[in-house]
Amino acid sequence: RITPDRRLQTKAWLTYLIVTGVVLAATGIAQAAVALWAGDADVGRISAIMWGCVAAALVLLWVIAVPITVLWIRNLSYEVTDDAVVVNKGILTKTRQNIPLRMVTDFRLQRSLIDRWLNIGTLLVQTAGQSVNATGYEGRLSGLAEWATLHAELTGLVHVIDTGSKASPADPSADLLAAVQQ
């Protein structure tokens, strides 16, 4: 059983902090624009309404989104078996998503700027004709500290299933040697 690294939670906190900073900066710029172009309007009242709305929105973000994110990450886990990748997720509704390795066509590593800074990664699993979402990827394994090792392991398992061979996919000469020996 693989669980997301705690740095995934740190990534969520950083994301919320960045969103908060951008919203506050945009509100400050909007207030300056109102002060410049409002003329005789009551700038103080407009600013109070604007900052009140922004403060309410940010409080909702932190009060609602942060606890949901914490619960989501705590309830997220992955399993790799000999024939499938299993993603367990959900807060109120638990979902167990089985992705058969025989259907896997590609693994994509995704690492944002924050992911690279925190040294975590996300593996996206693409299957043949199975995708039910707009990204084209059936599974998402987020917050992985050992993403490179897991990628190599999954690639090796898919290679074994595809070819029936125990040779390493990184070493094509092993397949050639096996063919010559037969």
N, C-alpha and C. Protein backbone atom coordinates (compact mmCIF):
# COMPACT_ATOMS: atom_id res chain seq x y z
N ARG A 1 0.85 -1.18 0.00
CA ARG A 1 0.00 0.00 0.00
C ARG A 1 0.89 1.24 0.00
N ILE A 2 0.58 2.14 -0.90
CA ILE A 2 1.34 3.38 -1.05
C ILE A 2 0.41 4.53 -0.68
N THR A 3 0.88 5.42 0.18
CA THR A 3 0.10 6.60 0.52
C THR A 3 0.85 7.84 0.02
N PRO A 4 0.10 8.88 -0.29
CA PRO A 4 0.78 10.11 -0.72
C PRO A 4 1.69 10.64 0.38
N ASP A 5 2.79 11.18 -0.02
CA ASP A 5 3.72 11.78 0.93
C ASP A 5 3.06 13.00 1.57
N ARG A 6 3.46 13.29 2.81
CA ARG A 6 2.87 14.43 3.51
C ARG A 6 3.18 15.75 2.80
N ARG A 7 4.14 15.74 1.91
CA ARG A 7 4.45 16.95 1.14
C ARG A 7 3.32 17.32 0.18
N LEU A 8 2.43 16.36 -0.12
CA LEU A 8 1.26 16.69 -0.93
C LEU A 8 0.36 17.67 -0.17
N GLN A 9 0.26 17.49 1.14
CA GLN A 9 -0.49 18.44 1.97
C GLN A 9 0.19 19.80 1.97
N THR A 10 1.53 19.79 2.04
CA THR A 10 2.27 21.05 1.98
C THR A 10 2.01 21.75 0.66
N LYS A 11 1.93 20.98 -0.43
CA LYS A 11 1.63 21.56 -1.74
C LYS A 11 0.26 22.22 -1.73
N ALA A 12 -0.72 21.58 -1.11
CA ALA A 12 -2.06 22.15 -1.05
C ALA A 12 -2.05 23.46 -0.27
N TRP A 13 -1.34 23.47 0.88
CA TRP A 13 -1.24 24.71 1.67
C TRP A 13 -0.59 25.82 0.86
N LEU A 14 0.52 25.49 0.17
CA LEU A 14 1.20 26.50 -0.65
C LEU A 14 0.29 27.02 -1.76
N THR A 15 -0.48 26.13 -2.36
CA THR A 15 -1.40 26.53 -3.42
C THR A 15 -2.45 27.50 -2.88
N TYR A 16 -3.01 27.18 -1.72
CA TYR A 16 -4.00 28.08 -1.11
C TYR A 16 -3.37 29.42 -0.74
N LEU A 17 -2.13 29.40 -0.25
CA LEU A 17 -1.45 30.66 0.07
C LEU A 17 -1.20 31.50 -1.17
N ILE A 18 -0.81 30.85 -2.26
CA ILE A 18 -0.58 31.57 -3.52
C ILE A 18 -1.88 32.18 -4.03
N VAL A 19 -2.97 31.39 -4.00
CA VAL A 19 -4.27 31.90 -4.43
C VAL A 19 -4.67 33.10 -3.57
N THR A 20 -4.48 32.99 -2.26
CA THR A 20 -4.81 34.09 -1.36
C THR A 20 -3.99 35.33 -1.70
N GLY A 21 -2.70 35.17 -1.92
CA GLY A 21 -1.84 36.30 -2.27
C GLY A 21 -2.24 36.96 -3.57
N VAL A 22 -2.56 36.16 -4.58
CA VAL A 22 -2.96 36.70 -5.88
C VAL A 22 -4.28 37.46 -5.75
N VAL A 23 -5.23 36.89 -5.01
CA VAL A 23 -6.52 37.56 -4.82
C VAL A 23 -6.33 38.89 -4.08
N LEU A 24 -5.51 38.88 -3.05
CA LEU A 24 -5.27 40.12 -2.29
C LEU A 24 -4.57 41.17 -3.16
N ALA A 25 -3.59 40.74 -3.95
CA ALA A 25 -2.89 41.68 -4.85
C ALA A 25 -3.85 42.24 -5.90
N ALA A 26 -4.69 41.39 -6.48
CA ALA A 26 -5.65 41.86 -7.48
C ALA A 26 -6.65 42.82 -6.87
N THR A 27 -7.05 42.55 -5.64
CA THR A 27 -7.98 43.46 -4.96
C THR A 27 -7.32 44.80 -4.68
N GLY A 28 -6.06 44.78 -4.28
CA GLY A 28 -5.32 46.03 -4.06
C GLY A 28 -5.21 46.84 -5.33
N ILE A 29 -4.93 46.16 -6.45
CA ILE A 29 -4.85 46.85 -7.74
C ILE A 29 -6.21 47.42 -8.13
N ALA A 30 -7.27 46.63 -7.91
CA ALA A 30 -8.62 47.10 -8.23
C ALA A 30 -8.98 48.31 -7.37
N GLN A 31 -8.59 48.29 -6.11
CA GLN A 31 -8.88 49.43 -5.22
C GLN A 31 -8.13 50.68 -5.71
N ALA A 32 -6.89 50.52 -6.12
CA ALA A 32 -6.12 51.66 -6.64
C ALA A 32 -6.78 52.21 -7.91
N ALA A 33 -7.26 51.31 -8.77
CA ALA A 33 -7.92 51.74 -10.01
C ALA A 33 -9.20 52.49 -9.69
N VAL A 34 -9.96 52.00 -8.72
CA VAL A 34 -11.19 52.69 -8.33
C VAL A 34 -10.87 54.08 -7.79
N ALA A 35 -9.82 54.16 -6.96
CA ALA A 35 -9.44 55.45 -6.38
C ALA A 35 -9.01 56.44 -7.48
N LEU A 36 -8.36 55.95 -8.52
CA LEU A 36 -7.89 56.83 -9.60
C LEU A 36 -9.03 57.30 -10.50
N TRP A 37 -9.96 56.39 -10.81
CA TRP A 37 -10.95 56.70 -11.83
C TRP A 37 -12.37 56.90 -11.29
N ALA A 38 -12.54 56.85 -10.00
CA ALA A 38 -13.89 56.97 -9.44
C ALA A 38 -14.41 58.40 -9.43
N GLY A 39 -13.55 59.32 -9.46
CA GLY A 39 -13.99 60.72 -9.45
C GLY A 39 -14.61 61.08 -8.12
N ASP A 40 -15.87 61.50 -8.16
CA ASP A 40 -16.56 61.94 -6.96
C ASP A 40 -17.23 60.80 -6.19
N ALA A 41 -17.09 59.60 -6.65
CA ALA A 41 -17.75 58.47 -5.98
C ALA A 41 -17.17 58.27 -4.59
N ASP A 42 -17.94 57.59 -3.76
CA ASP A 42 -17.51 57.31 -2.39
C ASP A 42 -16.52 56.13 -2.42
N VAL A 43 -15.24 56.45 -2.57
CA VAL A 43 -14.19 55.44 -2.70
C VAL A 43 -14.10 54.58 -1.44
N GLY A 44 -14.26 55.20 -0.28
CA GLY A 44 -14.19 54.44 0.97
C GLY A 44 -15.25 53.37 1.05
N ARG A 45 -16.46 53.70 0.65
CA ARG A 45 -17.56 52.72 0.67
C ARG A 45 -17.32 51.60 -0.34
N ILE A 46 -16.90 51.97 -1.54
CA ILE A 46 -16.61 50.96 -2.57
C ILE A 46 -15.49 50.04 -2.11
N SER A 47 -14.45 50.60 -1.53
CA SER A 47 -13.34 49.78 -1.02
C SER A 47 -13.78 48.86 0.09
N ALA A 48 -14.62 49.36 0.99
CA ALA A 48 -15.11 48.52 2.10
C ALA A 48 -15.92 47.34 1.58
N ILE A 49 -16.76 47.59 0.59
CA ILE A 49 -17.56 46.50 0.01
C ILE A 49 -16.65 45.49 -0.69
N MET A 50 -15.70 46.02 -1.47
CA MET A 50 -14.78 45.16 -2.22
C MET A 50 -13.97 44.29 -1.26
N TRP A 51 -13.36 44.89 -0.25
CA TRP A 51 -12.53 44.13 0.68
C TRP A 51 -13.37 43.18 1.53
N GLY A 52 -14.60 43.56 1.84
CA GLY A 52 -15.49 42.67 2.59
C GLY A 52 -15.83 41.41 1.80
N CYS A 53 -16.11 41.58 0.51
CA CYS A 53 -16.41 40.43 -0.37
C CYS A 53 -15.19 39.52 -0.51
N VAL A 54 -14.04 40.13 -0.70
CA VAL A 54 -12.80 39.35 -0.84
C VAL A 54 -12.49 38.60 0.45
N ALA A 55 -12.62 39.28 1.58
CA ALA A 55 -12.36 38.62 2.86
C ALA A 55 -13.31 37.45 3.08
N ALA A 56 -14.58 37.63 2.75
CA ALA A 56 -15.56 36.54 2.91
C ALA A 56 -15.20 35.36 2.01
N ALA A 57 -14.81 35.64 0.78
CA ALA A 57 -14.44 34.57 -0.15
C ALA A 57 -13.21 33.81 0.35
N LEU A 58 -12.22 34.54 0.84
CA LEU A 58 -11.00 33.89 1.33
C LEU A 58 -11.25 33.09 2.61
N VAL A 59 -12.11 33.60 3.48
CA VAL A 59 -12.46 32.83 4.68
C VAL A 59 -13.16 31.54 4.28
N LEU A 60 -14.06 31.62 3.32
CA LEU A 60 -14.73 30.39 2.83
C LEU A 60 -13.72 29.41 2.25
N LEU A 61 -12.77 29.93 1.48
CA LEU A 61 -11.72 29.08 0.92
C LEU A 61 -11.01 28.32 2.03
N TRP A 62 -10.56 29.03 3.04
CA TRP A 62 -9.77 28.41 4.10
C TRP A 62 -10.62 27.54 5.02
N VAL A 63 -11.87 27.91 5.25
CA VAL A 63 -12.72 27.14 6.17
C VAL A 63 -13.30 25.89 5.50
N ILE A 64 -13.57 25.96 4.21
CA ILE A 64 -14.18 24.82 3.53
C ILE A 64 -13.16 23.99 2.77
N ALA A 65 -12.38 24.61 1.91
CA ALA A 65 -11.48 23.86 1.03
C ALA A 65 -10.35 23.16 1.77
N VAL A 66 -9.78 23.83 2.76
CA VAL A 66 -8.63 23.24 3.45
C VAL A 66 -9.00 21.95 4.19
N PRO A 67 -10.05 21.92 4.99
CA PRO A 67 -10.40 20.65 5.65
C PRO A 67 -10.77 19.53 4.67
N ILE A 68 -11.45 19.90 3.59
CA ILE A 68 -11.80 18.89 2.59
C ILE A 68 -10.53 18.32 1.96
N THR A 69 -9.56 19.18 1.66
CA THR A 69 -8.30 18.72 1.09
C THR A 69 -7.56 17.80 2.06
N VAL A 70 -7.53 18.16 3.33
CA VAL A 70 -6.87 17.31 4.34
C VAL A 70 -7.53 15.94 4.39
N LEU A 71 -8.85 15.90 4.43
CA LEU A 71 -9.57 14.61 4.46
C LEU A 71 -9.35 13.81 3.18
N TRP A 72 -9.33 14.50 2.03
CA TRP A 72 -9.13 13.82 0.75
C TRP A 72 -7.77 13.12 0.72
N ILE A 73 -6.74 13.84 1.14
CA ILE A 73 -5.39 13.29 1.10
C ILE A 73 -5.25 12.13 2.09
N ARG A 74 -5.86 12.25 3.26
CA ARG A 74 -5.81 11.16 4.25
C ARG A 74 -6.48 9.89 3.76
N ASN A 75 -7.48 10.05 2.90
CA ASN A 75 -8.22 8.89 2.40
C ASN A 75 -7.75 8.42 1.02
N LEU A 76 -6.59 8.88 0.60
CA LEU A 76 -6.04 8.53 -0.70
C LEU A 76 -4.91 7.52 -0.53
N SER A 77 -4.99 6.41 -1.26
CA SER A 77 -3.92 5.41 -1.23
C SER A 77 -3.89 4.66 -2.55
N TYR A 78 -2.75 4.02 -2.79
CA TYR A 78 -2.56 3.28 -4.03
C TYR A 78 -1.99 1.90 -3.71
N GLU A 79 -2.29 0.95 -4.58
CA GLU A 79 -1.72 -0.38 -4.46
C GLU A 79 -1.25 -0.81 -5.85
N VAL A 80 -0.14 -1.51 -5.88
CA VAL A 80 0.35 -2.09 -7.13
C VAL A 80 0.40 -3.59 -6.93
N THR A 81 -0.39 -4.31 -7.73
CA THR A 81 -0.38 -5.76 -7.68
C THR A 81 0.29 -6.27 -8.94
N ASP A 82 0.36 -7.58 -9.10
CA ASP A 82 0.99 -8.16 -10.29
C ASP A 82 0.22 -7.84 -11.56
N ASP A 83 -1.08 -7.52 -11.43
CA ASP A 83 -1.87 -7.31 -12.64
C ASP A 83 -2.69 -6.02 -12.66
N ALA A 84 -2.55 -5.17 -11.64
CA ALA A 84 -3.36 -3.94 -11.63
C ALA A 84 -2.73 -2.86 -10.75
N VAL A 85 -3.14 -1.64 -11.05
CA VAL A 85 -2.88 -0.50 -10.18
C VAL A 85 -4.24 -0.15 -9.57
N VAL A 86 -4.28 -0.02 -8.25
CA VAL A 86 -5.53 0.24 -7.56
C VAL A 86 -5.42 1.61 -6.87
N VAL A 87 -6.42 2.45 -7.11
CA VAL A 87 -6.47 3.77 -6.49
C VAL A 87 -7.68 3.78 -5.55
N ASN A 88 -7.43 4.01 -4.27
CA ASN A 88 -8.49 4.11 -3.26
C ASN A 88 -8.63 5.59 -2.90
N LYS A 89 -9.85 6.12 -3.01
CA LYS A 89 -10.05 7.55 -2.76
C LYS A 89 -11.46 7.81 -2.28
N GLY A 90 -11.67 9.00 -1.76
CA GLY A 90 -13.01 9.43 -1.38
C GLY A 90 -13.12 9.78 0.09
N ILE A 91 -14.04 10.68 0.40
CA ILE A 91 -14.29 11.08 1.78
C ILE A 91 -15.59 10.45 2.24
N LEU A 92 -16.70 10.84 1.67
CA LEU A 92 -17.99 10.25 2.03
C LEU A 92 -18.28 9.01 1.20
N THR A 93 -17.99 9.10 -0.08
CA THR A 93 -18.16 7.96 -0.97
C THR A 93 -16.79 7.40 -1.29
N LYS A 94 -16.54 6.18 -0.86
CA LYS A 94 -15.24 5.54 -1.09
C LYS A 94 -15.26 4.87 -2.47
N THR A 95 -14.19 5.11 -3.20
CA THR A 95 -14.06 4.54 -4.54
C THR A 95 -12.78 3.72 -4.60
N ARG A 96 -12.88 2.53 -5.15
CA ARG A 96 -11.72 1.67 -5.39
C ARG A 96 -11.63 1.48 -6.90
N GLN A 97 -10.65 2.12 -7.49
CA GLN A 97 -10.50 2.10 -8.95
C GLN A 97 -9.40 1.11 -9.32
N ASN A 98 -9.77 0.07 -10.07
CA ASN A 98 -8.81 -0.93 -10.54
C ASN A 98 -8.44 -0.62 -11.98
N ILE A 99 -7.16 -0.48 -12.22
CA ILE A 99 -6.66 -0.23 -13.58
C ILE A 99 -5.82 -1.43 -13.98
N PRO A 100 -6.36 -2.31 -14.84
CA PRO A 100 -5.60 -3.50 -15.24
C PRO A 100 -4.33 -3.13 -16.00
N LEU A 101 -3.21 -3.72 -15.60
CA LEU A 101 -1.94 -3.41 -16.26
C LEU A 101 -1.94 -3.86 -17.73
N ARG A 102 -2.73 -4.87 -18.06
CA ARG A 102 -2.77 -5.32 -19.46
C ARG A 102 -3.40 -4.27 -20.38
N MET A 103 -4.14 -3.30 -19.78
CA MET A 103 -4.77 -2.24 -20.56
C MET A 103 -3.94 -0.96 -20.59
N VAL A 104 -2.88 -0.88 -19.80
CA VAL A 104 -2.07 0.33 -19.70
C VAL A 104 -1.27 0.54 -20.98
N THR A 105 -1.35 1.76 -21.51
CA THR A 105 -0.59 2.10 -22.72
C THR A 105 0.52 3.10 -22.43
N ASP A 106 0.38 3.87 -21.33
CA ASP A 106 1.38 4.89 -21.07
C ASP A 106 1.32 5.34 -19.61
N PHE A 107 2.49 5.72 -19.11
CA PHE A 107 2.61 6.38 -17.82
C PHE A 107 3.21 7.75 -18.09
N ARG A 108 2.61 8.78 -17.54
CA ARG A 108 3.13 10.13 -17.74
C ARG A 108 3.47 10.71 -16.37
N LEU A 109 4.67 11.23 -16.26
CA LEU A 109 5.10 11.88 -15.03
C LEU A 109 4.75 13.35 -15.13
N GLN A 110 4.08 13.86 -14.11
CA GLN A 110 3.70 15.26 -14.07
C GLN A 110 4.26 15.87 -12.79
N ARG A 111 5.05 16.93 -12.95
CA ARG A 111 5.63 17.61 -11.78
C ARG A 111 5.56 19.12 -12.02
N SER A 112 4.75 19.78 -11.22
CA SER A 112 4.63 21.24 -11.32
C SER A 112 5.86 21.88 -10.67
N LEU A 113 5.92 23.19 -10.73
CA LEU A 113 7.02 23.91 -10.10
C LEU A 113 7.05 23.62 -8.59
N ILE A 114 5.89 23.62 -7.96
CA ILE A 114 5.82 23.32 -6.53
C ILE A 114 6.22 21.87 -6.27
N ASP A 115 5.78 20.94 -7.13
CA ASP A 115 6.17 19.53 -6.99
C ASP A 115 7.69 19.37 -7.03
N ARG A 116 8.32 20.05 -7.98
CA ARG A 116 9.78 19.94 -8.10
C ARG A 116 10.46 20.53 -6.88
N TRP A 117 9.94 21.62 -6.36
CA TRP A 117 10.50 22.24 -5.17
C TRP A 117 10.36 21.31 -3.96
N LEU A 118 9.21 20.61 -3.87
CA LEU A 118 8.96 19.70 -2.75
C LEU A 118 9.49 18.28 -3.01
N ASN A 119 9.99 18.04 -4.22
CA ASN A 119 10.52 16.73 -4.64
C ASN A 119 9.46 15.63 -4.55
N ILE A 120 8.28 15.90 -5.11
CA ILE A 120 7.23 14.90 -5.25
C ILE A 120 6.78 14.89 -6.70
N GLY A 121 6.01 13.89 -7.07
CA GLY A 121 5.53 13.80 -8.44
C GLY A 121 4.20 13.10 -8.52
N THR A 122 3.60 13.17 -9.69
CA THR A 122 2.32 12.53 -9.97
C THR A 122 2.50 11.65 -11.19
N LEU A 123 2.05 10.40 -11.10
CA LEU A 123 2.05 9.51 -12.25
C LEU A 123 0.63 9.43 -12.79
N LEU A 124 0.48 9.70 -14.07
CA LEU A 124 -0.80 9.57 -14.74
C LEU A 124 -0.78 8.27 -15.53
N VAL A 125 -1.84 7.48 -15.40
CA VAL A 125 -1.91 6.17 -16.04
C VAL A 125 -2.92 6.24 -17.18
N GLN A 126 -2.45 5.96 -18.38
CA GLN A 126 -3.33 5.96 -19.55
C GLN A 126 -3.58 4.53 -19.98
N THR A 127 -4.85 4.25 -20.31
CA THR A 127 -5.20 2.90 -20.74
C THR A 127 -5.79 2.94 -22.14
N ALA A 128 -5.84 1.78 -22.76
CA ALA A 128 -6.37 1.67 -24.11
C ALA A 128 -7.90 1.72 -24.08
N GLY A 129 -8.45 2.83 -24.52
CA GLY A 129 -9.89 2.96 -24.66
C GLY A 129 -10.67 2.98 -23.36
N GLN A 130 -10.05 3.19 -22.23
CA GLN A 130 -10.74 3.15 -20.96
C GLN A 130 -11.02 4.52 -20.36
N SER A 131 -10.38 5.55 -20.86
CA SER A 131 -10.43 6.85 -20.19
C SER A 131 -11.85 7.39 -20.12
N VAL A 132 -12.21 7.87 -18.93
CA VAL A 132 -13.53 8.42 -18.72
C VAL A 132 -13.48 9.91 -18.42
N ASN A 133 -12.30 10.50 -18.50
CA ASN A 133 -12.19 11.93 -18.21
C ASN A 133 -11.52 12.66 -19.36
N ALA A 134 -11.57 13.98 -19.30
CA ALA A 134 -11.09 14.81 -20.40
C ALA A 134 -9.58 14.76 -20.58
N THR A 135 -8.83 14.40 -19.54
CA THR A 135 -7.37 14.38 -19.66
C THR A 135 -6.86 13.19 -20.46
N GLY A 136 -7.68 12.17 -20.60
CA GLY A 136 -7.26 10.98 -21.31
C GLY A 136 -6.50 9.99 -20.43
N TYR A 137 -6.46 10.25 -19.15
CA TYR A 137 -5.76 9.37 -18.23
C TYR A 137 -6.75 8.74 -17.27
N GLU A 138 -6.66 7.45 -17.12
CA GLU A 138 -7.57 6.68 -16.28
C GLU A 138 -7.28 6.88 -14.80
N GLY A 139 -6.00 6.94 -14.44
CA GLY A 139 -5.64 7.03 -13.04
C GLY A 139 -4.63 8.11 -12.78
N ARG A 140 -4.66 8.60 -11.55
CA ARG A 140 -3.76 9.66 -11.12
C ARG A 140 -3.21 9.28 -9.76
N LEU A 141 -1.90 9.09 -9.69
CA LEU A 141 -1.24 8.75 -8.43
C LEU A 141 -0.45 9.98 -8.00
N SER A 142 -1.02 10.77 -7.09
CA SER A 142 -0.48 12.07 -6.71
C SER A 142 0.35 11.98 -5.43
N GLY A 143 1.28 12.93 -5.30
CA GLY A 143 2.03 13.08 -4.05
C GLY A 143 3.03 11.99 -3.80
N LEU A 144 3.64 11.47 -4.85
CA LEU A 144 4.59 10.37 -4.71
C LEU A 144 6.01 10.89 -4.45
N ALA A 145 6.61 10.43 -3.35
CA ALA A 145 7.99 10.80 -3.06
C ALA A 145 8.95 9.94 -3.89
N GLU A 146 8.61 8.69 -4.08
CA GLU A 146 9.45 7.75 -4.85
C GLU A 146 8.86 7.54 -6.24
N TRP A 147 8.55 8.62 -6.93
CA TRP A 147 7.88 8.55 -8.22
C TRP A 147 8.73 7.85 -9.27
N ALA A 148 10.02 8.06 -9.28
CA ALA A 148 10.89 7.43 -10.30
C ALA A 148 10.94 5.92 -10.11
N THR A 149 11.04 5.47 -8.87
CA THR A 149 11.08 4.04 -8.58
C THR A 149 9.76 3.39 -8.96
N LEU A 150 8.65 4.02 -8.60
CA LEU A 150 7.34 3.46 -8.93
C LEU A 150 7.13 3.44 -10.43
N HIS A 151 7.57 4.48 -11.12
CA HIS A 151 7.45 4.50 -12.58
C HIS A 151 8.21 3.33 -13.20
N ALA A 152 9.43 3.09 -12.74
CA ALA A 152 10.22 1.97 -13.27
C ALA A 152 9.56 0.64 -12.96
N GLU A 153 9.04 0.48 -11.76
CA GLU A 153 8.37 -0.77 -11.37
C GLU A 153 7.13 -1.02 -12.22
N LEU A 154 6.31 0.01 -12.41
CA LEU A 154 5.10 -0.15 -13.21
C LEU A 154 5.44 -0.43 -14.68
N THR A 155 6.43 0.27 -15.19
CA THR A 155 6.84 0.03 -16.57
C THR A 155 7.33 -1.41 -16.74
N GLY A 156 8.09 -1.90 -15.77
CA GLY A 156 8.55 -3.28 -15.81
C GLY A 156 7.40 -4.27 -15.76
N LEU A 157 6.42 -4.03 -14.91
CA LEU A 157 5.26 -4.93 -14.82
C LEU A 157 4.47 -4.95 -16.12
N VAL A 158 4.27 -3.78 -16.73
CA VAL A 158 3.56 -3.72 -18.00
C VAL A 158 4.34 -4.46 -19.08
N HIS A 159 5.66 -4.31 -19.06
CA HIS A 159 6.51 -5.01 -20.04
C HIS A 159 6.38 -6.52 -19.87
N VAL A 160 6.37 -6.99 -18.64
CA VAL A 160 6.23 -8.43 -18.38
C VAL A 160 4.89 -8.92 -18.90
N ILE A 161 3.83 -8.16 -18.64
CA ILE A 161 2.50 -8.57 -19.09
C ILE A 161 2.41 -8.55 -20.61
N ASP A 162 2.97 -7.51 -21.25
CA ASP A 162 2.91 -7.39 -22.71
C ASP A 162 3.69 -8.48 -23.42
N THR A 163 4.87 -8.79 -22.90
CA THR A 163 5.75 -9.72 -23.61
C THR A 163 5.81 -11.09 -22.97
N GLY A 164 5.39 -11.19 -21.73
CA GLY A 164 5.54 -12.46 -21.01
C GLY A 164 6.98 -12.71 -20.62
N SER A 165 7.83 -11.70 -20.78
CA SER A 165 9.25 -11.81 -20.51
C SER A 165 9.60 -11.12 -19.21
N LYS A 166 10.59 -11.64 -18.52
CA LYS A 166 11.07 -11.00 -17.29
C LYS A 166 12.20 -10.01 -17.57
N ALA A 167 12.53 -9.79 -18.83
CA ALA A 167 13.62 -8.88 -19.17
C ALA A 167 13.25 -7.45 -18.84
N SER A 168 14.22 -6.67 -18.53
CA SER A 168 14.02 -5.28 -18.19
C SER A 168 13.68 -4.48 -19.45
N PRO A 169 12.65 -3.61 -19.39
CA PRO A 169 12.31 -2.81 -20.57
C PRO A 169 13.42 -1.82 -20.92
N ALA A 170 14.27 -1.51 -19.96
CA ALA A 170 15.36 -0.57 -20.22
C ALA A 170 16.52 -1.26 -20.95
N ASP A 171 16.47 -2.60 -21.04
CA ASP A 171 17.57 -3.34 -21.64
C ASP A 171 17.03 -4.18 -22.80
N PRO A 172 16.87 -3.60 -24.00
CA PRO A 172 16.33 -4.33 -25.14
C PRO A 172 17.25 -5.46 -25.60
N SER A 173 18.52 -5.40 -25.25
CA SER A 173 19.43 -6.47 -25.66
C SER A 173 19.08 -7.78 -24.98
N ALA A 174 18.46 -7.73 -23.82
CA ALA A 174 18.05 -8.96 -23.12
C ALA A 174 17.00 -9.70 -23.93
N ASP A 175 16.04 -8.98 -24.54
CA ASP A 175 15.05 -9.61 -25.39
C ASP A 175 15.69 -10.20 -26.64
N LEU A 176 16.64 -9.48 -27.23
CA LEU A 176 17.33 -9.96 -28.41
C LEU A 176 18.13 -11.20 -28.08
N LEU A 177 18.82 -11.23 -26.95
CA LEU A 177 19.59 -12.38 -26.53
C LEU A 177 18.67 -13.59 -26.31
N ALA A 178 17.52 -13.38 -25.70
CA ALA A 178 16.57 -14.47 -25.47
C ALA A 178 16.08 -15.03 -26.80
N ALA A 179 15.82 -14.16 -27.78
CA ALA A 179 15.36 -14.60 -29.09
C ALA A 179 16.44 -15.39 -29.82
N VAL A 180 17.68 -14.98 -29.70
CA VAL A 180 18.79 -15.66 -30.37
C VAL A 180 19.02 -17.03 -29.74
N GLN A 181 18.86 -17.15 -28.43
CA GLN A 181 19.09 -18.40 -27.75
C GLN A 181 18.03 -19.45 -28.09
N GLN A 182 16.87 -19.03 -28.53
CA GLN A 182 15.80 -19.98 -28.87
C GLN A 182 16.08 -20.55 -30.19
